[in-house]
Amino acid sequence: MIKFLIYQIALSIYCLLAFVFRAGFILSQPLLFFVFSLIGFLINGGAVFFIYAFSVSKRMIRGVILAILKLLHRIRLIKDLDEAWERIQEHVEDFQRSIHMVQGNYAAMMKMGLMTFFQLTCYFSITYFIYRAFGLNEASCLDIVFVQAFLYLAVSFFPTPGATGASEFGFYGFFQIFFNKNIIFIAMLLWRLITYYMNVAAGSLIILFEGIGQIFKKSE
């Protein structure tokens, strides 16, 4: 949760800078471009606010979780409400202790924020290198990186794994100003392969080898 909080703060600052330094570029694009980016920004900013509120108010986090558990109990996804509440309280206490551990440790928070900012920059830059790989050089790196940040915001609230569907559609809508119709489909496939499917494949291999290793350890 702490890493998620830092990530959301870094992403919000990143996109706020994009809004400030590329405001003219954003406003010159179709209205949906701005609307979806703004919705994504508000959702990510809201996540930061709620996580912070949970960290300082134990009553609030307990109230929200209990309300969710009661709803799940009402629709019969949870059988024993008291047992579920007792089990989840331990996680609530862990979260509260973790938040208090980092409060006041501004050096560590700053390091995490800078590393996350660098991580996002690398991630958003992938599209620029794909753009240059096609021999295109009219757009600047900042323009493409910031547009990629807006795309990330726009699709981040879609409830599908990896924002599948929304990401591909959004790439077409956002990057047609940089790629012509003949290559944008291939560019989108390359971008999606590098940023999503390679991660899935790598993660699957790690889990597979980890599982095989555990089996051999038990057999020894």
Foldseek 3Di string as FASTA:
>chain_A
DLLLLLLLVLLLVLLVVLCVPCVVVQVVADPVLVVLLVVLSVVSVVVNVVLVVVLVDVVVVLVVVLVVLVVCVVVPVDPDSVVVSVVCVVVSVVSNVVSVVCVPVVVVSVVSNVVSNVVLQVLQQVLVVLLVVVVDDPDDSSVSSNLSSSLCSSQVPPPDVVSPPSSLVSQCRSCCVRDPPVCSNVSSVVSCCVNPVVVVVVVVVVVVVVVVVVVVVVVD
